[in-house]
Protein backbone atom coordinates (compact mmCIF):
# COMPACT_ATOMS: atom_id res chain seq x y z
CA MET A 1 165.43 69.86 -18.38
CA ASN A 2 161.95 70.48 -19.67
CA VAL A 3 161.46 73.37 -22.04
CA LEU A 4 159.33 76.40 -21.32
CA ASP A 5 155.69 76.45 -22.41
CA SER A 6 154.83 79.71 -24.18
CA THR A 7 151.17 79.37 -23.11
CA CYS A 8 152.00 78.97 -19.41
CA PRO A 9 151.85 82.15 -17.30
CA PHE A 10 154.55 80.80 -14.94
CA CYS A 11 157.05 80.05 -17.70
CA GLY A 12 159.21 83.10 -18.27
CA LEU A 13 157.59 84.90 -15.34
CA ASP A 14 159.46 88.15 -14.77
CA ASP A 15 158.05 90.60 -12.24
CA PRO A 16 160.95 92.09 -10.28
CA ALA A 17 158.71 94.09 -7.94
CA MET A 18 156.87 90.95 -6.80
CA THR A 19 159.89 88.64 -6.87
CA VAL A 20 161.20 87.59 -3.46
CA TYR A 21 164.09 85.50 -4.80
CA ALA A 22 165.25 84.13 -8.15
CA ASP A 23 168.11 82.00 -9.39
CA ARG A 24 168.64 79.77 -12.44
CA LEU A 25 166.43 76.93 -11.09
CA VAL A 26 163.59 78.50 -9.10
CA GLN A 27 161.96 81.75 -8.19
CA ALA A 28 159.65 82.96 -5.44
CA VAL A 29 156.94 85.53 -6.07
CA VAL A 30 154.20 87.10 -4.00
CA SER A 31 150.87 85.59 -5.05
CA THR A 32 148.51 87.71 -7.15
CA ARG A 33 145.60 85.80 -5.57
CA PRO A 34 146.76 85.36 -1.98
CA ILE A 35 145.14 83.25 0.68
CA ASN A 36 146.62 85.61 3.29
CA ARG A 37 149.20 88.36 3.46
CA TYR A 38 152.68 86.92 2.95
CA HIS A 39 151.51 84.22 0.52
CA VAL A 40 154.50 83.36 -1.66
CA ILE A 41 154.67 80.88 -4.54
CA ILE A 42 157.85 78.94 -5.30
CA VAL A 43 157.99 78.29 -9.06
CA PRO A 44 160.51 76.22 -11.04
CA ARG A 45 162.07 78.02 -14.00
CA ILE A 46 161.26 75.03 -16.23
CA HIS A 47 157.84 73.81 -17.25
CA ALA A 48 156.74 70.80 -15.22
CA GLU A 49 153.13 70.07 -14.36
CA ARG A 50 153.73 67.58 -11.54
CA LEU A 51 156.29 67.13 -8.79
CA PRO A 52 157.47 63.77 -10.22
CA ASP A 53 158.24 65.60 -13.51
CA LEU A 54 160.79 67.90 -11.83
CA PRO A 55 164.47 67.02 -12.09
CA PRO A 56 165.77 66.21 -8.58
CA ASP A 57 168.01 69.30 -8.44
CA VAL A 58 165.05 71.59 -9.21
CA ALA A 59 162.81 69.84 -6.65
CA ALA A 60 165.56 70.15 -4.02
CA ALA A 61 166.06 73.83 -4.86
CA ALA A 62 162.31 74.46 -4.49
CA ILE A 63 162.19 72.81 -1.07
CA HIS A 64 165.31 74.63 0.11
CA LEU A 65 163.87 77.95 -1.07
CA ALA A 66 160.56 77.18 0.69
CA GLN A 67 162.52 76.68 3.93
CA ARG A 68 164.22 80.05 3.49
CA VAL A 69 161.04 81.88 2.46
CA GLY A 70 159.12 80.32 5.36
CA GLY A 71 161.74 81.63 7.77
CA ALA A 72 161.60 85.07 6.19
CA ILE A 73 157.79 85.13 6.41
CA ILE A 74 157.99 84.21 10.10
CA ASP A 75 160.20 87.24 10.68
CA ALA A 76 158.39 89.66 8.35
CA GLY A 77 154.75 88.71 8.93
CA VAL A 78 154.79 87.26 12.46
CA PRO A 79 152.18 84.60 11.62
CA ASP A 80 150.74 81.98 13.96
CA GLY A 81 151.77 79.26 11.50
CA ILE A 82 152.89 78.50 7.96
CA THR A 83 151.15 76.21 5.48
CA TYR A 84 153.26 74.64 2.72
CA ILE A 85 151.08 73.13 0.01
CA THR A 86 151.29 71.82 -3.54
CA GLU A 87 149.00 69.77 -5.73
CA ASP A 88 149.34 67.56 -8.80
CA ASP A 89 146.14 67.49 -10.87
CA LEU A 90 146.34 64.11 -12.59
CA THR A 91 142.89 63.96 -14.19
CA GLY A 92 141.95 67.59 -14.81
CA GLN A 93 139.71 67.97 -11.75
CA GLY A 94 140.84 71.52 -11.04
CA TYR A 95 143.14 70.77 -8.11
CA ASN A 96 145.82 72.87 -9.77
CA LEU A 97 144.41 75.94 -11.51
CA MET A 98 147.57 76.49 -13.57
CA ALA A 99 149.25 73.48 -15.15
CA HIS A 100 152.69 74.35 -13.78
CA TRP A 101 154.01 72.81 -10.56
CA LYS A 102 154.42 75.25 -7.71
CA LEU A 103 154.78 75.24 -3.95
CA HIS A 104 152.73 77.70 -1.92
CA VAL A 105 154.18 79.11 1.30
CA ILE A 106 151.28 80.72 3.15
CA ALA A 107 151.33 82.66 6.40
CA ARG A 108 148.52 81.55 8.70
CA TYR A 109 146.85 83.67 11.34
CA ARG A 110 144.47 82.77 14.14
CA ASP A 111 140.90 83.38 12.95
CA ASP A 112 141.96 83.87 9.30
CA GLY A 113 139.01 81.76 8.16
CA VAL A 114 141.19 79.51 5.99
CA ARG A 115 140.30 75.85 6.40
CA LEU A 116 141.83 72.79 4.80
CA GLU A 117 139.18 70.10 5.04
CA TRP A 118 140.97 66.75 5.14
CA ASN A 119 137.77 64.70 5.41
CA ARG A 120 139.64 61.85 7.09
CA HIS A 121 138.10 58.40 7.09
CA ASP A 122 138.46 55.51 9.48
CA ASP A 123 141.31 53.07 8.85
CA PRO A 124 140.48 51.39 5.48
CA GLY A 125 140.51 47.85 6.79
CA GLY A 126 143.18 47.69 9.44
CA ASP A 127 146.76 46.51 9.27
CA THR A 128 146.07 43.98 6.50
CA THR A 129 144.67 46.55 4.07
CA ARG A 130 147.35 49.12 4.92
CA ALA A 131 150.05 46.46 4.38
CA GLN A 132 148.56 45.66 0.94
CA ILE A 133 148.61 49.36 0.04
CA ALA A 134 152.23 49.64 1.21
CA ALA A 135 153.19 46.56 -0.86
CA ALA A 136 151.54 47.99 -4.00
CA ILE A 137 153.45 51.25 -3.62
CA ARG A 138 156.75 49.40 -2.93
CA ARG A 139 156.28 47.40 -6.15
CA GLN A 140 156.00 50.67 -8.09
CA LEU A 141 159.11 52.07 -6.36
CA ALA A 142 161.19 48.99 -7.16
CA PRO A 143 163.78 49.53 -9.88
CA ALA A 144 162.85 48.11 -13.28
CA THR A 145 164.68 44.87 -14.08
């Protein structure tokens, strides 16, 4: 497992009053800068900046906890929806304000004013281009020989 980073505010986080759940792999805390009420952040107990850096057992624990927290938010906050979101900032563009991987579980309410702008584009060249993209990704997934 990765070690803790003494400069990271999520490493060694201990705030029992704001903690929803904690075990040896992950913890869930109410956000100090929430998008909406019932905004909870799932945080690994090890320092990892990107999802691919997480050991599989920690990633699985985070997803399982997000499922449980999402269900609890549905019961406690009676939202219209739930948004689950995470980001890996690969080039320092500010996608992730804290360099520690986390998964946000956010209650959503009709007319809450929160918008995720996907800025979708038309198909980038049809089936041929999409097949080339798929092939490039498959090559990177292939086991090293």
